[in-house]
Amino acid sequence: MTRIAALLTAAVTMAALACSVSADAQRRGRPGEIPLGANPSAVIAAELAFARAAQEKGQWTAFAEYAADDAVMFVPQAVKAKDWLKKQKNPPKAVAWQPHHVWSSCDGTLAVTKGAWQQADGTSGYFTTIWQRQKKRDGSYKWVLDQGDTLAQPLEAPEFLQAEVADCPRGRRAPLNAVTEPKSSNDGTLRYDWNVAENGARHLEVRMLVDGEMKTVLTSDVDAAGQ
């Protein structure tokens, strides 16, 4: 079985995890709205479809197809992804990647994936992609931020895809523990923030509601030479 096929199989089995989220996470919105609730398997399915499209349609074509209108990428400064992608020509061989881990807000409106990538020249690294559920009845996901860096050694794949879902807030939103609020899920249980220095070095932090507190679950620091 190929790695992608194995991941697809794992994504299907992760549906059971989504069903185990608390009843609060599975509440429905107003009539005509999509159901609210964490769905890690849908996020992984979007990531796998994105990776497959890169191989079948071309790297930058896939990036544009799966990007939200306000998506951001780093080259190395932050740019509006769709504007930058319009000017790019697909490379002869697209980068390949595989998700290893997914974090989701309680309401499923925001999720983060992390995994490994490989290029045809043998270089490899990691990626972090932030996904936002679109305001459509099908609840599809588009990426709103994509970043990563090279690694001296390939990122080791876990035996199984890992998924974590934020606690559900008792009130309408999770409590803040920062002076300024970063990008956030609708319920505030998953948040991210990033900054880029003048030399291109950047920092990304993801926080999630765990045991009643917003805790850092992922950080990524890329030096000035990283892309």
C-alpha atoms as a PDB file:
ATOM      1  CA  MET A   1       0.000   0.000   0.000  1.00  0.00           C
ATOM      2  CA  THR A   2       1.368   3.435  -0.874  1.00  0.00           C
ATOM      3  CA  ARG A   3       1.800   6.072   1.826  1.00  0.00           C
ATOM      4  CA  ILE A   4      -1.021   8.176   0.343  1.00  0.00           C
ATOM      5  CA  ALA A   5      -3.334   5.166   0.247  1.00  0.00           C
ATOM      6  CA  ALA A   6      -2.491   4.375   3.848  1.00  0.00           C
ATOM      7  CA  LEU A   7      -3.209   7.933   4.852  1.00  0.00           C
ATOM      8  CA  LEU A   8      -6.531   7.870   3.030  1.00  0.00           C
ATOM      9  CA  THR A   9      -7.474   4.741   4.935  1.00  0.00           C
ATOM     10  CA  ALA A  10      -6.471   6.395   8.192  1.00  0.00           C
ATOM     11  CA  ALA A  11      -8.487   9.485   7.311  1.00  0.00           C
ATOM     12  CA  VAL A  12     -11.597   7.396   6.910  1.00  0.00           C
ATOM     13  CA  THR A  13     -11.085   5.725  10.271  1.00  0.00           C
ATOM     14  CA  MET A  14     -10.648   9.130  11.874  1.00  0.00           C
ATOM     15  CA  ALA A  15     -14.329   9.796  11.255  1.00  0.00           C
ATOM     16  CA  ALA A  16     -14.955   7.815  14.424  1.00  0.00           C
ATOM     17  CA  LEU A  17     -12.835  10.301  16.325  1.00  0.00           C
ATOM     18  CA  ALA A  18     -14.944  13.183  15.056  1.00  0.00           C
ATOM     19  CA  CYS A  19     -18.065  11.406  16.293  1.00  0.00           C
ATOM     20  CA  SER A  20     -16.575  11.112  19.773  1.00  0.00           C
ATOM     21  CA  VAL A  21     -16.378  14.876  20.261  1.00  0.00           C
ATOM     22  CA  SER A  22     -18.687  16.146  22.994  1.00  0.00           C
ATOM     23  CA  ALA A  23     -22.311  16.961  22.285  1.00  0.00           C
ATOM     24  CA  ASP A  24     -21.521  20.665  22.714  1.00  0.00           C
ATOM     25  CA  ALA A  25     -19.153  20.463  19.745  1.00  0.00           C
ATOM     26  CA  GLN A  26     -21.829  18.822  17.601  1.00  0.00           C
ATOM     27  CA  ARG A  27     -24.546  21.432  18.173  1.00  0.00           C
ATOM     28  CA  ARG A  28     -26.250  22.860  15.097  1.00  0.00           C
ATOM     29  CA  GLY A  29     -26.445  26.486  14.049  1.00  0.00           C
ATOM     30  CA  ARG A  30     -29.462  28.308  12.666  1.00  0.00           C
ATOM     31  CA  PRO A  31     -31.549  26.633   9.914  1.00  0.00           C
ATOM     32  CA  GLY A  32     -29.670  26.670   6.636  1.00  0.00           C
ATOM     33  CA  GLU A  33     -26.242  26.777   8.283  1.00  0.00           C
ATOM     34  CA  ILE A  34     -23.748  23.918   8.262  1.00  0.00           C
ATOM     35  CA  PRO A  35     -23.508  21.862  11.487  1.00  0.00           C
ATOM     36  CA  LEU A  36     -20.932  23.063  13.985  1.00  0.00           C
ATOM     37  CA  GLY A  37     -18.471  20.497  15.253  1.00  0.00           C
ATOM     38  CA  ALA A  38     -14.892  19.288  14.998  1.00  0.00           C
ATOM     39  CA  ASN A  39     -14.232  16.978  12.058  1.00  0.00           C
ATOM     40  CA  PRO A  40     -10.517  16.100  11.889  1.00  0.00           C
ATOM     41  CA  SER A  41     -11.136  13.500   9.171  1.00  0.00           C
ATOM     42  CA  ALA A  42     -12.530  16.193   6.846  1.00  0.00           C
ATOM     43  CA  VAL A  43      -9.429  18.309   7.393  1.00  0.00           C
ATOM     44  CA  ILE A  44      -7.118  15.387   6.629  1.00  0.00           C
ATOM     45  CA  ALA A  45      -9.197  14.544   3.555  1.00  0.00           C
ATOM     46  CA  ALA A  46      -8.759  18.131   2.334  1.00  0.00           C
ATOM     47  CA  GLU A  47      -5.005  17.958   2.940  1.00  0.00           C
ATOM     48  CA  LEU A  48      -4.715  14.666   1.045  1.00  0.00           C
ATOM     49  CA  ALA A  49      -6.810  15.953  -1.859  1.00  0.00           C
ATOM     50  CA  PHE A  50      -4.601  19.058  -1.953  1.00  0.00           C
ATOM     51  CA  ALA A  51      -1.448  16.907  -2.100  1.00  0.00           C
ATOM     52  CA  ARG A  52      -2.933  14.685  -4.798  1.00  0.00           C
ATOM     53  CA  ALA A  53      -3.972  17.696  -6.891  1.00  0.00           C
ATOM     54  CA  ALA A  54      -0.407  18.995  -6.788  1.00  0.00           C
ATOM     55  CA  GLN A  55       0.786  15.789  -8.441  1.00  0.00           C
ATOM     56  CA  GLU A  56      -2.048  15.632 -10.976  1.00  0.00           C
ATOM     57  CA  LYS A  57      -2.614  19.300 -11.858  1.00  0.00           C
ATOM     58  CA  GLY A  58       0.645  20.994 -10.944  1.00  0.00           C
ATOM     59  CA  GLN A  59       2.063  22.390  -7.734  1.00  0.00           C
ATOM     60  CA  TRP A  60       1.002  26.035  -7.921  1.00  0.00           C
ATOM     61  CA  THR A  61      -2.273  25.204  -9.640  1.00  0.00           C
ATOM     62  CA  ALA A  62      -3.222  23.094  -6.621  1.00  0.00           C
ATOM     63  CA  PHE A  63      -2.083  25.741  -4.170  1.00  0.00           C
ATOM     64  CA  ALA A  64      -4.354  28.288  -5.855  1.00  0.00           C
ATOM     65  CA  GLU A  65      -7.297  25.884  -6.076  1.00  0.00           C
ATOM     66  CA  TYR A  66      -7.272  25.079  -2.356  1.00  0.00           C
ATOM     67  CA  ALA A  67      -6.453  28.585  -1.088  1.00  0.00           C
ATOM     68  CA  ALA A  68      -8.991  30.860   0.559  1.00  0.00           C
ATOM     69  CA  ASP A  69      -9.297  34.316  -0.961  1.00  0.00           C
ATOM     70  CA  ASP A  70      -7.324  35.884   1.899  1.00  0.00           C
ATOM     71  CA  ALA A  71      -4.735  33.079   2.220  1.00  0.00           C
ATOM     72  CA  VAL A  72      -1.176  34.028   3.175  1.00  0.00           C
ATOM     73  CA  MET A  73       2.143  32.411   2.269  1.00  0.00           C
ATOM     74  CA  PHE A  74       5.754  33.446   2.839  1.00  0.00           C
ATOM     75  CA  VAL A  75       8.296  34.061   0.060  1.00  0.00           C
ATOM     76  CA  PRO A  76       9.928  34.859   2.556  1.00  0.00           C
ATOM     77  CA  GLN A  77       7.856  37.965   3.399  1.00  0.00           C
ATOM     78  CA  ALA A  78       4.122  37.458   3.772  1.00  0.00           C
ATOM     79  CA  VAL A  79       2.173  37.825   0.531  1.00  0.00           C
ATOM     80  CA  LYS A  80      -1.431  37.366  -0.502  1.00  0.00           C
ATOM     81  CA  ALA A  81      -1.230  33.838  -1.850  1.00  0.00           C
ATOM     82  CA  LYS A  82      -3.601  34.064  -4.800  1.00  0.00           C
ATOM     83  CA  ASP A  83      -1.933  37.200  -6.174  1.00  0.00           C
ATOM     84  CA  TRP A  84       1.516  35.607  -5.933  1.00  0.00           C
ATOM     85  CA  LEU A  85       0.388  32.253  -7.347  1.00  0.00           C
ATOM     86  CA  LYS A  86      -1.042  33.862 -10.493  1.00  0.00           C
ATOM     87  CA  LYS A  87       2.503  34.766 -11.530  1.00  0.00           C
ATOM     88  CA  GLN A  88       4.021  31.327 -10.912  1.00  0.00           C
ATOM     89  CA  LYS A  89       4.693  28.532 -13.384  1.00  0.00           C
ATOM     90  CA  ASN A  90       4.281  24.965 -12.179  1.00  0.00           C
ATOM     91  CA  PRO A  91       7.616  23.173 -11.679  1.00  0.00           C
ATOM     92  CA  PRO A  92       8.199  20.008 -13.745  1.00  0.00           C
ATOM     93  CA  LYS A  93       7.842  17.894 -10.607  1.00  0.00           C
ATOM     94  CA  ALA A  94       5.588  18.985  -7.762  1.00  0.00           C
ATOM     95  CA  VAL A  95       6.604  18.747  -4.142  1.00  0.00           C
ATOM     96  CA  ALA A  96       5.054  15.764  -2.349  1.00  0.00           C
ATOM     97  CA  TRP A  97       3.763  15.909   1.200  1.00  0.00           C
ATOM     98  CA  GLN A  98       1.972  13.870   3.864  1.00  0.00           C
ATOM     99  CA  PRO A  99       0.089  15.102   6.943  1.00  0.00           C
ATOM    100  CA  HIS A 100       1.147  13.680  10.300  1.00  0.00           C
ATOM    101  CA  HIS A 101      -0.893  15.627  12.831  1.00  0.00           C
ATOM    102  CA  VAL A 102      -4.097  17.691  12.957  1.00  0.00           C
ATOM    103  CA  TRP A 103      -5.414  20.043  15.627  1.00  0.00           C
ATOM    104  CA  SER A 104      -9.017  21.267  15.458  1.00  0.00           C
ATOM    105  CA  SER A 105     -11.113  23.839  17.269  1.00  0.00           C
ATOM    106  CA  CYS A 106     -14.161  22.554  19.136  1.00  0.00           C
ATOM    107  CA  ASP A 107     -16.545  24.026  16.558  1.00  0.00           C
ATOM    108  CA  GLY A 108     -14.488  22.846  13.578  1.00  0.00           C
ATOM    109  CA  THR A 109     -14.175  26.299  12.005  1.00  0.00           C
ATOM    110  CA  LEU A 110     -10.360  26.264  12.206  1.00  0.00           C
ATOM    111  CA  ALA A 111      -7.784  23.472  12.061  1.00  0.00           C
ATOM    112  CA  VAL A 112      -4.038  23.079  11.699  1.00  0.00           C
ATOM    113  CA  THR A 113      -2.080  20.312  10.003  1.00  0.00           C
ATOM    114  CA  LYS A 114       1.608  19.516  10.216  1.00  0.00           C
ATOM    115  CA  GLY A 115       3.555  16.993   8.197  1.00  0.00           C
ATOM    116  CA  ALA A 116       6.495  16.209   5.957  1.00  0.00           C
ATOM    117  CA  TRP A 117       7.381  17.223   2.398  1.00  0.00           C
ATOM    118  CA  GLN A 118       9.888  15.947  -0.155  1.00  0.00           C
ATOM    119  CA  GLN A 119      11.246  17.477  -3.366  1.00  0.00           C
ATOM    120  CA  ALA A 120      12.528  15.706  -6.450  1.00  0.00           C
ATOM    121  CA  ASP A 121      16.109  16.835  -5.702  1.00  0.00           C
ATOM    122  CA  GLY A 122      16.078  14.888  -2.435  1.00  0.00           C
ATOM    123  CA  THR A 123      15.558  17.794  -0.051  1.00  0.00           C
ATOM    124  CA  SER A 124      12.884  17.397   2.587  1.00  0.00           C
ATOM    125  CA  GLY A 125      11.281  19.326   5.379  1.00  0.00           C
ATOM    126  CA  TYR A 126       8.083  20.030   7.269  1.00  0.00           C
ATOM    127  CA  PHE A 127       4.987  22.101   6.586  1.00  0.00           C
ATOM    128  CA  THR A 128       2.297  23.729   8.670  1.00  0.00           C
ATOM    129  CA  THR A 129      -1.049  24.534   7.056  1.00  0.00           C
ATOM    130  CA  ILE A 130      -3.944  26.342   8.684  1.00  0.00           C
ATOM    131  CA  TRP A 131      -7.385  25.420   7.370  1.00  0.00           C
ATOM    132  CA  GLN A 132     -10.611  27.387   7.688  1.00  0.00           C
ATOM    133  CA  ARG A 133     -14.051  25.925   7.147  1.00  0.00           C
ATOM    134  CA  GLN A 134     -15.861  27.844   4.437  1.00  0.00           C
ATOM    135  CA  LYS A 135     -19.335  29.286   4.817  1.00  0.00           C
ATOM    136  CA  LYS A 136     -20.873  26.712   2.527  1.00  0.00           C
ATOM    137  CA  ARG A 137     -23.427  24.007   3.216  1.00  0.00           C
ATOM    138  CA  ASP A 138     -20.853  21.310   2.475  1.00  0.00           C
ATOM    139  CA  GLY A 139     -18.522  22.641   5.177  1.00  0.00           C
ATOM    140  CA  SER A 140     -15.475  22.398   2.897  1.00  0.00           C
ATOM    141  CA  TYR A 141     -12.052  23.602   4.040  1.00  0.00           C
ATOM    142  CA  LYS A 142      -9.631  26.011   2.362  1.00  0.00           C
ATOM    143  CA  TRP A 143      -6.149  26.857   3.571  1.00  0.00           C
ATOM    144  CA  VAL A 144      -5.542  30.352   4.949  1.00  0.00           C
ATOM    145  CA  LEU A 145      -1.842  30.044   5.812  1.00  0.00           C
ATOM    146  CA  ASP A 146       0.893  27.746   4.563  1.00  0.00           C
ATOM    147  CA  GLN A 147       4.500  27.703   5.693  1.00  0.00           C
ATOM    148  CA  GLY A 148       7.372  25.366   6.393  1.00  0.00           C
ATOM    149  CA  ASP A 149      11.109  24.879   6.182  1.00  0.00           C
ATOM    150  CA  THR A 150      13.789  22.397   5.183  1.00  0.00           C
ATOM    151  CA  LEU A 151      15.157  19.857   7.665  1.00  0.00           C
ATOM    152  CA  ALA A 152      18.591  18.258   7.892  1.00  0.00           C
ATOM    153  CA  GLN A 153      16.880  14.902   8.433  1.00  0.00           C
ATOM    154  CA  PRO A 154      13.458  13.860   7.063  1.00  0.00           C
ATOM    155  CA  LEU A 155      10.593  14.269   9.497  1.00  0.00           C
ATOM    156  CA  GLU A 156       9.776  10.845  10.894  1.00  0.00           C
ATOM    157  CA  ALA A 157       6.249   9.704  10.088  1.00  0.00           C
ATOM    158  CA  PRO A 158       4.110   8.520  13.010  1.00  0.00           C
ATOM    159  CA  GLU A 159       2.612   5.047  12.949  1.00  0.00           C
ATOM    160  CA  PHE A 160      -0.833   6.624  12.893  1.00  0.00           C
ATOM    161  CA  LEU A 161      -2.146  10.050  12.061  1.00  0.00           C
ATOM    162  CA  GLN A 162      -2.583  12.022  15.267  1.00  0.00           C
ATOM    163  CA  ALA A 163      -5.609  14.219  15.942  1.00  0.00           C
ATOM    164  CA  GLU A 164      -6.362  16.581  18.807  1.00  0.00           C
ATOM    165  CA  VAL A 165      -9.603  18.497  19.359  1.00  0.00           C
ATOM    166  CA  ALA A 166      -9.885  21.536  21.615  1.00  0.00           C
ATOM    167  CA  ASP A 167     -12.056  21.492  24.706  1.00  0.00           C
ATOM    168  CA  CYS A 168     -15.452  23.071  24.212  1.00  0.00           C
ATOM    169  CA  PRO A 169     -15.872  26.402  26.033  1.00  0.00           C
ATOM    170  CA  ARG A 170     -18.543  26.696  28.692  1.00  0.00           C
ATOM    171  CA  GLY A 171     -19.484  30.141  27.461  1.00  0.00           C
ATOM    172  CA  ARG A 172     -19.816  31.362  23.890  1.00  0.00           C
ATOM    173  CA  ARG A 173     -16.043  31.764  23.452  1.00  0.00           C
ATOM    174  CA  ALA A 174     -12.906  30.527  25.126  1.00  0.00           C
ATOM    175  CA  PRO A 175     -11.189  32.932  27.561  1.00  0.00           C
ATOM    176  CA  LEU A 176      -8.330  35.069  26.282  1.00  0.00           C
ATOM    177  CA  ASN A 177      -4.896  34.962  27.852  1.00  0.00           C
ATOM    178  CA  ALA A 178      -3.136  37.430  25.580  1.00  0.00           C
ATOM    179  CA  VAL A 179      -3.221  41.199  25.284  1.00  0.00           C
ATOM    180  CA  THR A 180      -4.067  41.076  21.591  1.00  0.00           C
ATOM    181  CA  GLU A 181      -6.211  38.356  20.066  1.00  0.00           C
ATOM    182  CA  PRO A 182      -4.638  36.494  17.123  1.00  0.00           C
ATOM    183  CA  LYS A 183      -6.488  34.786  14.288  1.00  0.00           C
ATOM    184  CA  SER A 184      -9.113  32.558  15.834  1.00  0.00           C
ATOM    185  CA  SER A 185     -11.773  29.941  15.299  1.00  0.00           C
ATOM    186  CA  ASN A 186     -15.319  31.209  15.750  1.00  0.00           C
ATOM    187  CA  ASP A 187     -15.499  29.783  19.272  1.00  0.00           C
ATOM    188  CA  GLY A 188     -12.005  30.949  20.235  1.00  0.00           C
ATOM    189  CA  THR A 189     -10.757  27.456  21.128  1.00  0.00           C
ATOM    190  CA  LEU A 190      -7.992  27.413  18.481  1.00  0.00           C
ATOM    191  CA  ARG A 191      -5.893  30.478  17.693  1.00  0.00           C
ATOM    192  CA  TYR A 192      -2.751  31.258  15.769  1.00  0.00           C
ATOM    193  CA  ASP A 193      -0.440  34.213  15.380  1.00  0.00           C
ATOM    194  CA  TRP A 194       2.616  34.884  13.256  1.00  0.00           C
ATOM    195  CA  ASN A 195       5.189  37.573  12.553  1.00  0.00           C
ATOM    196  CA  VAL A 196       7.940  38.087  10.016  1.00  0.00           C
ATOM    197  CA  ALA A 197      11.095  40.096  10.626  1.00  0.00           C
ATOM    198  CA  GLU A 198      12.595  42.421   8.024  1.00  0.00           C
ATOM    199  CA  ASN A 199      15.228  39.791   7.187  1.00  0.00           C
ATOM    200  CA  GLY A 200      12.543  37.163   6.482  1.00  0.00           C
ATOM    201  CA  ALA A 201      12.821  35.224   9.741  1.00  0.00           C
ATOM    202  CA  ARG A 202       9.386  34.286  11.023  1.00  0.00           C
ATOM    203  CA  HIS A 203       7.580  32.811  13.999  1.00  0.00           C
ATOM    204  CA  LEU A 204       4.269  30.942  14.126  1.00  0.00           C
ATOM    205  CA  GLU A 205       2.429  29.904  17.268  1.00  0.00           C
ATOM    206  CA  VAL A 206      -0.769  27.871  17.611  1.00  0.00           C
ATOM    207  CA  ARG A 207      -2.723  27.759  20.868  1.00  0.00           C
ATOM    208  CA  MET A 208      -5.642  25.525  21.800  1.00  0.00           C
ATOM    209  CA  LEU A 209      -8.094  25.305  24.696  1.00  0.00           C
ATOM    210  CA  VAL A 210      -6.959  22.398  26.898  1.00  0.00           C
ATOM    211  CA  ASP A 211      -8.193  21.806  30.453  1.00  0.00           C
ATOM    212  CA  GLY A 212      -9.766  25.260  30.548  1.00  0.00           C
ATOM    213  CA  GLU A 213      -6.620  27.126  29.470  1.00  0.00           C
ATOM    214  CA  MET A 214      -5.241  28.311  26.145  1.00  0.00           C
ATOM    215  CA  LYS A 215      -2.045  26.301  25.738  1.00  0.00           C
ATOM    216  CA  THR A 216       0.604  26.399  23.026  1.00  0.00           C
ATOM    217  CA  VAL A 217       0.404  23.185  20.982  1.00  0.00           C
ATOM    218  CA  LEU A 218       2.683  24.124  18.091  1.00  0.00           C
ATOM    219  CA  THR A 219       5.453  26.627  17.395  1.00  0.00           C
ATOM    220  CA  SER A 220       7.542  27.096  14.289  1.00  0.00           C
ATOM    221  CA  ASP A 221      10.580  29.321  13.880  1.00  0.00           C
ATOM    222  CA  VAL A 222      12.212  29.791  10.486  1.00  0.00           C
ATOM    223  CA  ASP A 223      15.515  31.638  10.136  1.00  0.00           C
ATOM    224  CA  ALA A 224      16.187  34.344   7.581  1.00  0.00           C
ATOM    225  CA  ALA A 225      17.318  31.829   4.957  1.00  0.00           C
ATOM    226  CA  GLY A 226      14.137  29.718   5.209  1.00  0.00           C
ATOM    227  CA  GLN A 227      11.321  29.870   2.698  1.00  0.00           C
END
